[in-house]
Amino acid sequence: MLSSEQIEARSKDDPHSDAPPEMASSEQILSVRAPNATVVGVCCLAARDEGDEVAGMMLSHLFIRAGYDAHAIVLGSHRDMLDEVEEQSCGILYISALPPFGISTIRRLYKRARIRFPKCRIGIGLWAYDGDAEAMRTLLRMEDADLIVTTMADAIVQIQQFTEVATRAR
């Protein structure tokens, strides 16, 4: 698992960063998290493969840049990944999935996470999905409190709402 510090250090050490110079400050890139908000851990899990893991790492990095305590969980068995979530004391989970979507795999991981962490908010990132979100929610058997996002920008916008709810649940 990569810690917030490791991800941040990697981005600073990368001389080939595509970010324009005026975007160097995390405050300029993302200013979503309120400075006085309670810190709630965010964990990003891959639904099934390395592509999903890389997308989860990217999302975790964006959350870190926005001021959140985010962790990219290393791809493994569902049990191992959820054990890592428990160790990190995450209050918010994002399951990351790139097309083609393995619906049964996503549903199984979501169900296991929902049972093991009933107080956590869960977002499922179906990156680049352009279908009917409500139909997908039904297929995945998602609870009303959880949501689907299709872009990382949507996830960044929704993290503030998740953080407020997770803080109240503590």
N, C-alpha and C. Protein backbone atom coordinates (compact mmCIF):
# COMPACT_ATOMS: atom_id res chain seq x y z
N MET A 1 0.84 -1.17 0.00
CA MET A 1 0.00 0.00 0.00
C MET A 1 0.89 1.23 0.00
N LEU A 2 0.53 2.21 -0.79
CA LEU A 2 1.29 3.44 -0.83
C LEU A 2 0.66 4.45 0.11
N SER A 3 1.47 5.05 0.94
CA SER A 3 0.96 6.05 1.86
C SER A 3 0.81 7.39 1.15
N SER A 4 0.12 8.30 1.79
CA SER A 4 -0.06 9.65 1.25
C SER A 4 1.30 10.29 0.98
N GLU A 5 2.22 10.10 1.88
CA GLU A 5 3.54 10.71 1.74
C GLU A 5 4.29 10.13 0.55
N GLN A 6 4.19 8.80 0.33
CA GLN A 6 4.88 8.17 -0.77
C GLN A 6 4.33 8.65 -2.12
N ILE A 7 3.03 8.76 -2.21
CA ILE A 7 2.42 9.23 -3.46
C ILE A 7 2.83 10.67 -3.72
N GLU A 8 2.77 11.50 -2.69
CA GLU A 8 3.15 12.91 -2.84
C GLU A 8 4.62 13.03 -3.24
N ALA A 9 5.49 12.22 -2.61
CA ALA A 9 6.92 12.27 -2.92
C ALA A 9 7.17 11.85 -4.37
N ARG A 10 6.46 10.84 -4.84
CA ARG A 10 6.63 10.40 -6.22
C ARG A 10 6.26 11.50 -7.19
N SER A 11 5.19 12.21 -6.91
CA SER A 11 4.76 13.27 -7.83
C SER A 11 5.76 14.43 -7.83
N LYS A 12 6.37 14.73 -6.69
CA LYS A 12 7.35 15.82 -6.63
C LYS A 12 8.65 15.45 -7.34
N ASP A 13 9.00 14.14 -7.30
CA ASP A 13 10.25 13.69 -7.90
C ASP A 13 10.15 13.48 -9.40
N ASP A 14 8.97 13.55 -9.98
CA ASP A 14 8.77 13.27 -11.39
C ASP A 14 9.09 14.50 -12.24
N PRO A 15 10.24 14.49 -12.93
CA PRO A 15 10.60 15.66 -13.74
C PRO A 15 9.77 15.75 -15.02
N HIS A 16 9.02 14.70 -15.34
CA HIS A 16 8.24 14.67 -16.57
C HIS A 16 6.78 14.95 -16.32
N SER A 17 6.47 15.57 -15.23
CA SER A 17 5.08 15.88 -14.90
C SER A 17 4.46 16.74 -15.98
N ASP A 18 3.23 16.41 -16.37
CA ASP A 18 2.52 17.17 -17.39
C ASP A 18 1.79 18.37 -16.80
N ALA A 19 1.84 18.55 -15.50
CA ALA A 19 1.12 19.66 -14.87
C ALA A 19 1.80 20.97 -15.24
N PRO A 20 1.03 21.96 -15.65
CA PRO A 20 1.63 23.25 -15.95
C PRO A 20 2.20 23.89 -14.68
N PRO A 21 3.21 24.72 -14.80
CA PRO A 21 3.86 25.30 -13.63
C PRO A 21 2.90 26.05 -12.73
N GLU A 22 1.91 26.73 -13.29
CA GLU A 22 0.99 27.48 -12.44
C GLU A 22 0.09 26.58 -11.61
N MET A 23 0.12 25.29 -11.87
CA MET A 23 -0.72 24.35 -11.13
C MET A 23 0.08 23.59 -10.07
N ALA A 24 1.25 24.04 -9.72
CA ALA A 24 2.12 23.31 -8.81
C ALA A 24 1.56 23.23 -7.40
N SER A 25 0.88 24.22 -6.93
CA SER A 25 0.37 24.23 -5.57
C SER A 25 -0.91 23.43 -5.46
N SER A 26 -0.99 22.55 -4.46
CA SER A 26 -2.21 21.75 -4.28
C SER A 26 -3.42 22.62 -4.00
N GLU A 27 -3.20 23.78 -3.40
CA GLU A 27 -4.33 24.69 -3.14
C GLU A 27 -4.89 25.21 -4.45
N GLN A 28 -4.05 25.39 -5.48
CA GLN A 28 -4.52 25.87 -6.77
C GLN A 28 -5.21 24.78 -7.55
N ILE A 29 -4.77 23.54 -7.39
CA ILE A 29 -5.35 22.44 -8.15
C ILE A 29 -6.72 22.07 -7.59
N LEU A 30 -6.77 21.80 -6.32
CA LEU A 30 -8.01 21.35 -5.69
C LEU A 30 -8.14 22.00 -4.33
N SER A 31 -9.20 22.65 -4.09
CA SER A 31 -9.42 23.24 -2.77
C SER A 31 -10.78 22.81 -2.25
N VAL A 32 -11.00 21.49 -2.21
CA VAL A 32 -12.30 20.94 -1.86
C VAL A 32 -12.46 20.82 -0.35
N ARG A 33 -11.48 20.27 0.34
CA ARG A 33 -11.60 19.99 1.76
C ARG A 33 -11.55 21.28 2.57
N ALA A 34 -12.56 21.46 3.40
CA ALA A 34 -12.59 22.63 4.28
C ALA A 34 -11.45 22.51 5.29
N PRO A 35 -10.72 23.57 5.55
CA PRO A 35 -9.57 23.50 6.45
C PRO A 35 -9.92 23.04 7.86
N ASN A 36 -11.11 23.33 8.33
CA ASN A 36 -11.49 22.93 9.69
C ASN A 36 -12.26 21.61 9.73
N ALA A 37 -12.38 20.93 8.60
CA ALA A 37 -13.12 19.67 8.56
C ALA A 37 -12.33 18.57 9.26
N THR A 38 -13.05 17.66 9.90
CA THR A 38 -12.43 16.51 10.53
C THR A 38 -11.81 15.63 9.45
N VAL A 39 -10.61 15.12 9.72
CA VAL A 39 -9.93 14.27 8.75
C VAL A 39 -10.54 12.87 8.81
N VAL A 40 -11.01 12.41 7.66
CA VAL A 40 -11.57 11.07 7.52
C VAL A 40 -10.72 10.35 6.48
N GLY A 41 -10.26 9.15 6.81
CA GLY A 41 -9.45 8.38 5.87
C GLY A 41 -10.25 7.94 4.67
N VAL A 42 -9.61 7.99 3.51
CA VAL A 42 -10.23 7.55 2.26
C VAL A 42 -9.35 6.45 1.68
N CYS A 43 -9.96 5.33 1.34
CA CYS A 43 -9.22 4.23 0.72
C CYS A 43 -9.77 3.97 -0.67
N CYS A 44 -8.88 3.78 -1.62
CA CYS A 44 -9.25 3.48 -3.01
C CYS A 44 -8.82 2.05 -3.32
N LEU A 45 -9.79 1.22 -3.70
CA LEU A 45 -9.55 -0.19 -3.98
C LEU A 45 -9.80 -0.49 -5.45
N ALA A 46 -9.03 -1.41 -6.00
CA ALA A 46 -9.24 -1.86 -7.37
C ALA A 46 -10.32 -2.93 -7.37
N ALA A 47 -11.20 -2.87 -8.38
CA ALA A 47 -12.25 -3.87 -8.48
C ALA A 47 -11.70 -5.23 -8.89
N ARG A 48 -10.76 -5.25 -9.86
CA ARG A 48 -10.31 -6.58 -10.28
C ARG A 48 -8.92 -6.70 -10.88
N ASP A 49 -8.34 -5.63 -11.45
CA ASP A 49 -7.05 -5.83 -12.12
C ASP A 49 -6.15 -4.60 -11.97
N GLU A 50 -4.98 -4.69 -12.62
CA GLU A 50 -3.97 -3.64 -12.49
C GLU A 50 -4.46 -2.30 -13.04
N GLY A 51 -5.24 -2.32 -14.10
CA GLY A 51 -5.78 -1.08 -14.64
C GLY A 51 -6.66 -0.37 -13.62
N ASP A 52 -7.51 -1.15 -12.94
CA ASP A 52 -8.36 -0.59 -11.89
C ASP A 52 -7.50 -0.05 -10.75
N GLU A 53 -6.41 -0.75 -10.46
CA GLU A 53 -5.51 -0.33 -9.39
C GLU A 53 -4.85 1.01 -9.73
N VAL A 54 -4.39 1.17 -10.97
CA VAL A 54 -3.76 2.41 -11.39
C VAL A 54 -4.77 3.57 -11.32
N ALA A 55 -6.00 3.32 -11.77
CA ALA A 55 -7.03 4.37 -11.68
C ALA A 55 -7.29 4.73 -10.21
N GLY A 56 -7.31 3.73 -9.33
CA GLY A 56 -7.48 3.98 -7.90
C GLY A 56 -6.33 4.78 -7.32
N MET A 57 -5.11 4.51 -7.79
CA MET A 57 -3.94 5.26 -7.33
C MET A 57 -4.04 6.72 -7.78
N MET A 58 -4.50 6.92 -9.01
CA MET A 58 -4.67 8.28 -9.51
C MET A 58 -5.71 9.03 -8.68
N LEU A 59 -6.81 8.37 -8.38
CA LEU A 59 -7.86 9.00 -7.57
C LEU A 59 -7.34 9.32 -6.18
N SER A 60 -6.62 8.39 -5.59
CA SER A 60 -6.03 8.62 -4.27
C SER A 60 -5.10 9.82 -4.30
N HIS A 61 -4.31 9.93 -5.34
CA HIS A 61 -3.40 11.07 -5.48
C HIS A 61 -4.19 12.38 -5.55
N LEU A 62 -5.28 12.40 -6.31
CA LEU A 62 -6.10 13.61 -6.39
C LEU A 62 -6.68 13.97 -5.03
N PHE A 63 -7.12 12.97 -4.27
CA PHE A 63 -7.65 13.23 -2.93
C PHE A 63 -6.57 13.81 -2.03
N ILE A 64 -5.37 13.29 -2.12
CA ILE A 64 -4.26 13.81 -1.31
C ILE A 64 -4.00 15.27 -1.68
N ARG A 65 -3.98 15.56 -2.96
CA ARG A 65 -3.75 16.93 -3.42
C ARG A 65 -4.85 17.87 -2.93
N ALA A 66 -6.05 17.31 -2.71
CA ALA A 66 -7.17 18.11 -2.22
C ALA A 66 -7.17 18.22 -0.70
N GLY A 67 -6.20 17.58 -0.03
CA GLY A 67 -6.09 17.72 1.42
C GLY A 67 -6.68 16.59 2.22
N TYR A 68 -6.99 15.47 1.58
CA TYR A 68 -7.57 14.33 2.29
C TYR A 68 -6.49 13.31 2.64
N ASP A 69 -6.76 12.52 3.66
CA ASP A 69 -5.88 11.43 4.07
C ASP A 69 -6.27 10.20 3.26
N ALA A 70 -5.71 10.07 2.06
CA ALA A 70 -6.11 9.02 1.13
C ALA A 70 -5.04 7.94 1.01
N HIS A 71 -5.50 6.72 0.75
CA HIS A 71 -4.61 5.57 0.63
C HIS A 71 -5.02 4.75 -0.58
N ALA A 72 -4.05 4.40 -1.42
CA ALA A 72 -4.29 3.49 -2.53
C ALA A 72 -3.97 2.09 -2.02
N ILE A 73 -4.97 1.25 -1.99
CA ILE A 73 -4.81 -0.11 -1.49
C ILE A 73 -4.27 -0.99 -2.61
N VAL A 74 -3.20 -1.74 -2.32
CA VAL A 74 -2.58 -2.61 -3.30
C VAL A 74 -3.54 -3.73 -3.68
N LEU A 75 -3.61 -4.03 -4.96
CA LEU A 75 -4.48 -5.09 -5.48
C LEU A 75 -4.14 -6.42 -4.82
N GLY A 76 -5.16 -7.12 -4.39
CA GLY A 76 -5.01 -8.43 -3.78
C GLY A 76 -6.37 -9.09 -3.69
N SER A 77 -6.46 -10.10 -2.85
CA SER A 77 -7.76 -10.73 -2.65
C SER A 77 -8.68 -9.73 -1.95
N HIS A 78 -9.97 -9.93 -2.10
CA HIS A 78 -10.91 -9.02 -1.43
C HIS A 78 -10.63 -8.97 0.07
N ARG A 79 -10.37 -10.11 0.67
CA ARG A 79 -10.08 -10.16 2.10
C ARG A 79 -8.85 -9.33 2.45
N ASP A 80 -7.78 -9.50 1.69
CA ASP A 80 -6.55 -8.75 1.97
C ASP A 80 -6.76 -7.25 1.81
N MET A 81 -7.46 -6.86 0.75
CA MET A 81 -7.69 -5.42 0.55
C MET A 81 -8.56 -4.85 1.66
N LEU A 82 -9.59 -5.57 2.08
CA LEU A 82 -10.46 -5.08 3.14
C LEU A 82 -9.75 -5.08 4.49
N ASP A 83 -8.84 -6.02 4.70
CA ASP A 83 -8.01 -5.99 5.92
C ASP A 83 -7.17 -4.71 5.95
N GLU A 84 -6.62 -4.33 4.79
CA GLU A 84 -5.83 -3.11 4.71
C GLU A 84 -6.69 -1.88 4.96
N VAL A 85 -7.91 -1.88 4.45
CA VAL A 85 -8.84 -0.77 4.71
C VAL A 85 -9.06 -0.64 6.22
N GLU A 86 -9.25 -1.77 6.89
CA GLU A 86 -9.46 -1.75 8.34
C GLU A 86 -8.24 -1.20 9.06
N GLU A 87 -7.03 -1.60 8.62
CA GLU A 87 -5.81 -1.10 9.23
C GLU A 87 -5.68 0.42 9.07
N GLN A 88 -6.13 0.93 7.94
CA GLN A 88 -6.02 2.36 7.66
C GLN A 88 -7.14 3.17 8.32
N SER A 89 -8.12 2.49 8.90
CA SER A 89 -9.27 3.16 9.55
C SER A 89 -9.97 4.13 8.60
N CYS A 90 -10.25 3.67 7.42
CA CYS A 90 -10.90 4.52 6.43
C CYS A 90 -12.40 4.62 6.69
N GLY A 91 -12.92 5.82 6.56
CA GLY A 91 -14.35 6.05 6.72
C GLY A 91 -15.07 6.15 5.39
N ILE A 92 -14.28 6.28 4.32
CA ILE A 92 -14.82 6.39 2.97
C ILE A 92 -14.03 5.45 2.07
N LEU A 93 -14.75 4.69 1.25
CA LEU A 93 -14.12 3.77 0.31
C LEU A 93 -14.54 4.13 -1.10
N TYR A 94 -13.61 4.01 -2.02
CA TYR A 94 -13.91 4.10 -3.44
C TYR A 94 -13.43 2.82 -4.10
N ILE A 95 -14.32 2.18 -4.83
CA ILE A 95 -13.97 1.01 -5.62
C ILE A 95 -13.79 1.49 -7.05
N SER A 96 -12.63 1.24 -7.60
CA SER A 96 -12.25 1.76 -8.91
C SER A 96 -12.39 0.67 -9.97
N ALA A 97 -13.09 0.99 -11.09
CA ALA A 97 -13.27 0.01 -12.16
C ALA A 97 -13.22 0.69 -13.53
N LEU A 98 -12.36 0.17 -14.38
CA LEU A 98 -12.26 0.61 -15.76
C LEU A 98 -13.04 -0.35 -16.66
N PRO A 99 -13.51 0.12 -17.81
CA PRO A 99 -14.17 -0.79 -18.75
C PRO A 99 -13.18 -1.82 -19.28
N PRO A 100 -13.61 -3.01 -19.65
CA PRO A 100 -14.97 -3.52 -19.48
C PRO A 100 -15.22 -3.86 -18.01
N PHE A 101 -16.38 -3.52 -17.55
CA PHE A 101 -16.70 -3.69 -16.13
C PHE A 101 -17.07 -5.13 -15.83
N GLY A 102 -16.46 -5.68 -14.80
CA GLY A 102 -16.83 -7.01 -14.30
C GLY A 102 -17.90 -6.82 -13.24
N ILE A 103 -19.15 -6.76 -13.65
CA ILE A 103 -20.25 -6.43 -12.75
C ILE A 103 -20.28 -7.35 -11.53
N SER A 104 -20.14 -8.66 -11.76
CA SER A 104 -20.23 -9.59 -10.61
C SER A 104 -19.07 -9.37 -9.64
N THR A 105 -17.89 -9.05 -10.15
CA THR A 105 -16.74 -8.80 -9.28
C THR A 105 -16.94 -7.52 -8.49
N ILE A 106 -17.41 -6.47 -9.15
CA ILE A 106 -17.66 -5.20 -8.46
C ILE A 106 -18.73 -5.40 -7.40
N ARG A 107 -19.81 -6.09 -7.75
CA ARG A 107 -20.91 -6.31 -6.81
C ARG A 107 -20.44 -7.10 -5.60
N ARG A 108 -19.61 -8.13 -5.84
CA ARG A 108 -19.11 -8.96 -4.74
C ARG A 108 -18.21 -8.14 -3.80
N LEU A 109 -17.31 -7.33 -4.35
CA LEU A 109 -16.44 -6.51 -3.51
C LEU A 109 -17.26 -5.46 -2.77
N TYR A 110 -18.20 -4.84 -3.45
CA TYR A 110 -19.06 -3.84 -2.80
C TYR A 110 -19.83 -4.49 -1.64
N LYS A 111 -20.41 -5.65 -1.87
CA LYS A 111 -21.19 -6.32 -0.82
C LYS A 111 -20.31 -6.66 0.38
N ARG A 112 -19.12 -7.18 0.12
CA ARG A 112 -18.20 -7.51 1.22
C ARG A 112 -17.79 -6.27 2.00
N ALA A 113 -17.51 -5.20 1.28
CA ALA A 113 -17.14 -3.94 1.95
C ALA A 113 -18.32 -3.39 2.75
N ARG A 114 -19.50 -3.45 2.19
CA ARG A 114 -20.70 -2.92 2.86
C ARG A 114 -20.98 -3.72 4.15
N ILE A 115 -20.83 -5.03 4.11
CA ILE A 115 -21.06 -5.86 5.30
C ILE A 115 -19.98 -5.61 6.35
N ARG A 116 -18.75 -5.53 5.92
CA ARG A 116 -17.64 -5.38 6.87
C ARG A 116 -17.55 -3.97 7.45
N PHE A 117 -17.95 -2.97 6.68
CA PHE A 117 -17.85 -1.58 7.12
C PHE A 117 -19.20 -0.89 6.95
N PRO A 118 -20.16 -1.22 7.79
CA PRO A 118 -21.52 -0.69 7.61
C PRO A 118 -21.63 0.82 7.77
N LYS A 119 -20.70 1.45 8.47
CA LYS A 119 -20.76 2.90 8.67
C LYS A 119 -20.00 3.69 7.61
N CYS A 120 -19.26 3.00 6.77
CA CYS A 120 -18.49 3.67 5.72
C CYS A 120 -19.40 4.10 4.58
N ARG A 121 -19.01 5.18 3.95
CA ARG A 121 -19.64 5.58 2.69
C ARG A 121 -18.82 4.93 1.58
N ILE A 122 -19.50 4.45 0.56
CA ILE A 122 -18.82 3.77 -0.54
C ILE A 122 -19.21 4.42 -1.86
N GLY A 123 -18.19 4.76 -2.61
CA GLY A 123 -18.38 5.25 -3.97
C GLY A 123 -17.79 4.22 -4.92
N ILE A 124 -18.47 4.01 -6.02
CA ILE A 124 -17.93 3.12 -7.04
C ILE A 124 -17.61 3.98 -8.26
N GLY A 125 -16.33 3.99 -8.61
CA GLY A 125 -15.88 4.74 -9.77
C GLY A 125 -15.94 3.86 -10.99
N LEU A 126 -16.96 4.04 -11.80
CA LEU A 126 -17.08 3.33 -13.08
C LEU A 126 -16.57 4.31 -14.14
N TRP A 127 -15.26 4.35 -14.30
CA TRP A 127 -14.60 5.37 -15.10
C TRP A 127 -15.02 5.27 -16.56
N ALA A 128 -15.51 6.39 -17.08
CA ALA A 128 -15.96 6.55 -18.47
C ALA A 128 -17.28 5.82 -18.76
N TYR A 129 -18.00 5.42 -17.75
CA TYR A 129 -19.30 4.78 -17.97
C TYR A 129 -20.29 5.84 -18.45
N ASP A 130 -20.99 5.55 -19.53
CA ASP A 130 -21.95 6.51 -20.06
C ASP A 130 -23.36 5.95 -20.16
N GLY A 131 -23.61 4.87 -19.44
CA GLY A 131 -24.93 4.26 -19.45
C GLY A 131 -25.83 4.82 -18.36
N ASP A 132 -26.90 4.12 -18.09
CA ASP A 132 -27.90 4.52 -17.10
C ASP A 132 -27.38 4.20 -15.69
N ALA A 133 -27.06 5.24 -14.93
CA ALA A 133 -26.50 5.06 -13.58
C ALA A 133 -27.48 4.33 -12.66
N GLU A 134 -28.76 4.63 -12.76
CA GLU A 134 -29.74 3.98 -11.89
C GLU A 134 -29.85 2.49 -12.20
N ALA A 135 -29.80 2.14 -13.47
CA ALA A 135 -29.82 0.72 -13.85
C ALA A 135 -28.58 0.01 -13.31
N MET A 136 -27.44 0.69 -13.38
CA MET A 136 -26.20 0.11 -12.85
C MET A 136 -26.27 -0.03 -11.33
N ARG A 137 -26.84 0.95 -10.65
CA ARG A 137 -27.02 0.85 -9.20
C ARG A 137 -27.84 -0.38 -8.85
N THR A 138 -28.87 -0.63 -9.64
CA THR A 138 -29.72 -1.81 -9.42
C THR A 138 -28.93 -3.09 -9.65
N LEU A 139 -28.16 -3.14 -10.74
CA LEU A 139 -27.34 -4.32 -11.02
C LEU A 139 -26.34 -4.60 -9.91
N LEU A 140 -25.77 -3.53 -9.36
CA LEU A 140 -24.77 -3.68 -8.30
C LEU A 140 -25.39 -3.84 -6.92
N ARG A 141 -26.70 -3.66 -6.84
CA ARG A 141 -27.45 -3.77 -5.58
C ARG A 141 -26.89 -2.82 -4.52
N MET A 142 -26.75 -1.56 -4.92
CA MET A 142 -26.17 -0.54 -4.04
C MET A 142 -27.21 0.05 -3.11
N GLU A 143 -26.76 0.43 -1.92
CA GLU A 143 -27.61 1.13 -0.97
C GLU A 143 -27.77 2.58 -1.41
N ASP A 144 -28.85 3.20 -0.96
CA ASP A 144 -29.14 4.59 -1.35
C ASP A 144 -28.05 5.57 -0.94
N ALA A 145 -27.41 5.32 0.19
CA ALA A 145 -26.40 6.26 0.70
C ALA A 145 -25.12 6.26 -0.13
N ASP A 146 -24.89 5.21 -0.90
CA ASP A 146 -23.67 5.09 -1.68
C ASP A 146 -23.93 5.57 -3.11
N LEU A 147 -22.84 5.82 -3.85
CA LEU A 147 -23.06 6.36 -5.17
C LEU A 147 -22.07 5.87 -6.20
N ILE A 148 -22.44 6.12 -7.45
CA ILE A 148 -21.58 5.82 -8.59
C ILE A 148 -21.07 7.15 -9.13
N VAL A 149 -19.77 7.18 -9.43
CA VAL A 149 -19.19 8.32 -10.13
C VAL A 149 -18.57 7.79 -11.41
N THR A 150 -18.53 8.64 -12.44
CA THR A 150 -18.01 8.19 -13.73
C THR A 150 -16.76 8.95 -14.15
N THR A 151 -16.44 10.00 -13.43
CA THR A 151 -15.20 10.74 -13.70
C THR A 151 -14.52 11.03 -12.37
N MET A 152 -13.24 11.23 -12.43
CA MET A 152 -12.51 11.58 -11.21
C MET A 152 -12.92 12.95 -10.71
N ALA A 153 -13.30 13.82 -11.61
CA ALA A 153 -13.80 15.14 -11.20
C ALA A 153 -15.06 14.98 -10.37
N ASP A 154 -15.96 14.07 -10.77
CA ASP A 154 -17.17 13.81 -9.98
C ASP A 154 -16.81 13.28 -8.59
N ALA A 155 -15.82 12.41 -8.54
CA ALA A 155 -15.40 11.85 -7.25
C ALA A 155 -14.86 12.95 -6.33
N ILE A 156 -14.10 13.88 -6.89
CA ILE A 156 -13.56 14.98 -6.09
C ILE A 156 -14.69 15.84 -5.55
N VAL A 157 -15.69 16.08 -6.37
CA VAL A 157 -16.83 16.89 -5.92
C VAL A 157 -17.59 16.16 -4.82
N GLN A 158 -17.77 14.86 -4.95
CA GLN A 158 -18.56 14.09 -4.00
C GLN A 158 -17.84 13.81 -2.69
N ILE A 159 -16.51 13.88 -2.68
CA ILE A 159 -15.77 13.54 -1.47
C ILE A 159 -16.12 14.47 -0.31
N GLN A 160 -16.41 15.70 -0.60
CA GLN A 160 -16.77 16.63 0.47
C GLN A 160 -18.07 16.20 1.13
N GLN A 161 -19.05 15.81 0.34
CA GLN A 161 -20.32 15.32 0.89
C GLN A 161 -20.09 14.05 1.71
N PHE A 162 -19.30 13.13 1.18
CA PHE A 162 -18.99 11.90 1.91
C PHE A 162 -18.30 12.20 3.23
N THR A 163 -17.37 13.15 3.22
CA THR A 163 -16.62 13.49 4.42
C THR A 163 -17.55 14.04 5.50
N GLU A 164 -18.48 14.89 5.11
CA GLU A 164 -19.44 15.45 6.08
C GLU A 164 -20.28 14.34 6.70
N VAL A 165 -20.76 13.41 5.91
CA VAL A 165 -21.59 12.31 6.42
C VAL A 165 -20.76 11.37 7.28
N ALA A 166 -19.53 11.06 6.83
CA ALA A 166 -18.67 10.16 7.61
C ALA A 166 -18.31 10.78 8.96
N THR A 167 -18.11 12.08 8.98
CA THR A 167 -17.78 12.77 10.23
C THR A 167 -18.96 12.68 11.20
N ARG A 168 -20.16 12.86 10.71
CA ARG A 168 -21.36 12.77 11.57
C ARG A 168 -21.57 11.35 12.09
N ALA A 169 -21.17 10.32 11.32
CA ALA A 169 -21.38 8.93 11.71
C ALA A 169 -20.43 8.48 12.82
N ARG A 170 -19.36 9.21 13.03
CA ARG A 170 -18.36 8.81 14.03
C ARG A 170 -18.85 9.00 15.44
